[in-house]
Amino acid sequence: MPLTHVNEGTHAILKSIDGGRQLRGRLAALGLLPGAQLQVVQNSGQGPFVVAVRGSRIVLGRGMAARILVE
């Protein structure tokens, strides 16, 4: 399921990124790699999307977050 469907406070594991090499590279530089455990910090349904990964908080746009597939 896309990361945008995960509720606030929920943990998820990143499975894949549905995007090109540039998007995958940008997210990898932020620590968002397949197998990484994420926690959704903010998902209000609009505006920025905030996740915690490896002790850092990352703010993503909704379009980018929709391309991150988790379980």
C-alpha atoms as a PDB file:
ATOM      1  CA  MET A   1       0.000   0.000   0.000  1.00  0.00           C
ATOM      2  CA  PRO A   2       1.194   3.583  -0.530  1.00  0.00           C
ATOM      3  CA  LEU A   3       2.703   5.375   2.457  1.00  0.00           C
ATOM      4  CA  THR A   4      -0.059   8.000   2.237  1.00  0.00           C
ATOM      5  CA  HIS A   5      -2.595   5.376   3.435  1.00  0.00           C
ATOM      6  CA  VAL A   6      -0.754   4.748   6.731  1.00  0.00           C
ATOM      7  CA  ASN A   7      -2.215   6.428   9.831  1.00  0.00           C
ATOM      8  CA  GLU A   8      -0.237   8.694  12.167  1.00  0.00           C
ATOM      9  CA  GLY A   9       1.760   6.841  14.815  1.00  0.00           C
ATOM     10  CA  THR A  10       1.844   3.626  12.793  1.00  0.00           C
ATOM     11  CA  HIS A  11       5.049   1.799  11.891  1.00  0.00           C
ATOM     12  CA  ALA A  12       5.610   0.398   8.399  1.00  0.00           C
ATOM     13  CA  ILE A  13       8.404  -1.254   6.448  1.00  0.00           C
ATOM     14  CA  LEU A  14       9.425   0.254   3.127  1.00  0.00           C
ATOM     15  CA  LYS A  15       9.042  -2.360   0.387  1.00  0.00           C
ATOM     16  CA  SER A  16       9.709  -0.440  -2.829  1.00  0.00           C
ATOM     17  CA  ILE A  17       9.651   2.948  -4.503  1.00  0.00           C
ATOM     18  CA  ASP A  18       7.497   3.382  -7.598  1.00  0.00           C
ATOM     19  CA  GLY A  19       9.609   5.921  -9.411  1.00  0.00           C
ATOM     20  CA  GLY A  20      12.604   6.556 -11.589  1.00  0.00           C
ATOM     21  CA  ARG A  21      16.275   6.445 -10.744  1.00  0.00           C
ATOM     22  CA  GLN A  22      16.341  10.102  -9.692  1.00  0.00           C
ATOM     23  CA  LEU A  23      13.508   9.699  -7.163  1.00  0.00           C
ATOM     24  CA  ARG A  24      14.970   6.465  -5.764  1.00  0.00           C
ATOM     25  CA  GLY A  25      18.375   8.141  -5.427  1.00  0.00           C
ATOM     26  CA  ARG A  26      16.947  11.189  -3.660  1.00  0.00           C
ATOM     27  CA  LEU A  27      15.023   9.029  -1.174  1.00  0.00           C
ATOM     28  CA  ALA A  28      18.032   6.735  -0.627  1.00  0.00           C
ATOM     29  CA  ALA A  29      20.101   9.795   0.316  1.00  0.00           C
ATOM     30  CA  LEU A  30      17.487  10.513   3.004  1.00  0.00           C
ATOM     31  CA  GLY A  31      17.746   6.951   4.365  1.00  0.00           C
ATOM     32  CA  LEU A  32      14.569   5.675   2.731  1.00  0.00           C
ATOM     33  CA  LEU A  33      15.758   2.325   1.398  1.00  0.00           C
ATOM     34  CA  PRO A  34      13.866  -0.972   0.984  1.00  0.00           C
ATOM     35  CA  GLY A  35      13.675  -2.708   4.352  1.00  0.00           C
ATOM     36  CA  ALA A  36      13.831   0.518   6.376  1.00  0.00           C
ATOM     37  CA  GLN A  37      11.364   0.819   9.243  1.00  0.00           C
ATOM     38  CA  LEU A  38       9.332   4.030   9.145  1.00  0.00           C
ATOM     39  CA  GLN A  39       6.983   5.687  11.589  1.00  0.00           C
ATOM     40  CA  VAL A  40       4.363   8.089  10.265  1.00  0.00           C
ATOM     41  CA  VAL A  41       4.598  11.228  12.405  1.00  0.00           C
ATOM     42  CA  GLN A  42       2.135  13.436  10.501  1.00  0.00           C
ATOM     43  CA  ASN A  43      -0.515  12.489   7.975  1.00  0.00           C
ATOM     44  CA  SER A  44      -3.348  14.994   8.176  1.00  0.00           C
ATOM     45  CA  GLY A  45      -4.688  14.216   4.697  1.00  0.00           C
ATOM     46  CA  GLN A  46      -3.334  17.459   3.264  1.00  0.00           C
ATOM     47  CA  GLY A  47      -0.106  19.401   3.418  1.00  0.00           C
ATOM     48  CA  PRO A  48       3.281  17.903   4.230  1.00  0.00           C
ATOM     49  CA  PHE A  49       3.794  14.279   5.171  1.00  0.00           C
ATOM     50  CA  VAL A  50       6.300  13.603   8.004  1.00  0.00           C
ATOM     51  CA  VAL A  51       8.003  10.264   8.678  1.00  0.00           C
ATOM     52  CA  ALA A  52      10.638   9.210  11.189  1.00  0.00           C
ATOM     53  CA  VAL A  53      13.377   6.898   9.956  1.00  0.00           C
ATOM     54  CA  ARG A  54      16.604   5.958  11.747  1.00  0.00           C
ATOM     55  CA  GLY A  55      16.244   8.710  14.341  1.00  0.00           C
ATOM     56  CA  SER A  56      15.516  11.504  11.847  1.00  0.00           C
ATOM     57  CA  ARG A  57      12.308  13.168  10.755  1.00  0.00           C
ATOM     58  CA  ILE A  58      11.796  13.661   7.048  1.00  0.00           C
ATOM     59  CA  VAL A  59       9.191  15.884   5.427  1.00  0.00           C
ATOM     60  CA  LEU A  60       7.873  14.605   2.093  1.00  0.00           C
ATOM     61  CA  GLY A  61       5.424  15.999  -0.386  1.00  0.00           C
ATOM     62  CA  ARG A  62       2.233  13.991  -0.848  1.00  0.00           C
ATOM     63  CA  GLY A  63       3.130  13.027  -4.422  1.00  0.00           C
ATOM     64  CA  MET A  64       6.462  11.603  -3.311  1.00  0.00           C
ATOM     65  CA  ALA A  65       4.919   9.799  -0.337  1.00  0.00           C
ATOM     66  CA  ALA A  66       2.321   8.201  -2.638  1.00  0.00           C
ATOM     67  CA  ARG A  67       5.136   6.543  -4.620  1.00  0.00           C
ATOM     68  CA  ILE A  68       6.610   4.866  -1.515  1.00  0.00           C
ATOM     69  CA  LEU A  69       5.095   1.395  -1.068  1.00  0.00           C
ATOM     70  CA  VAL A  70       5.064  -0.106   2.432  1.00  0.00           C
ATOM     71  CA  GLU A  71       3.637  -3.041   4.326  1.00  0.00           C
END
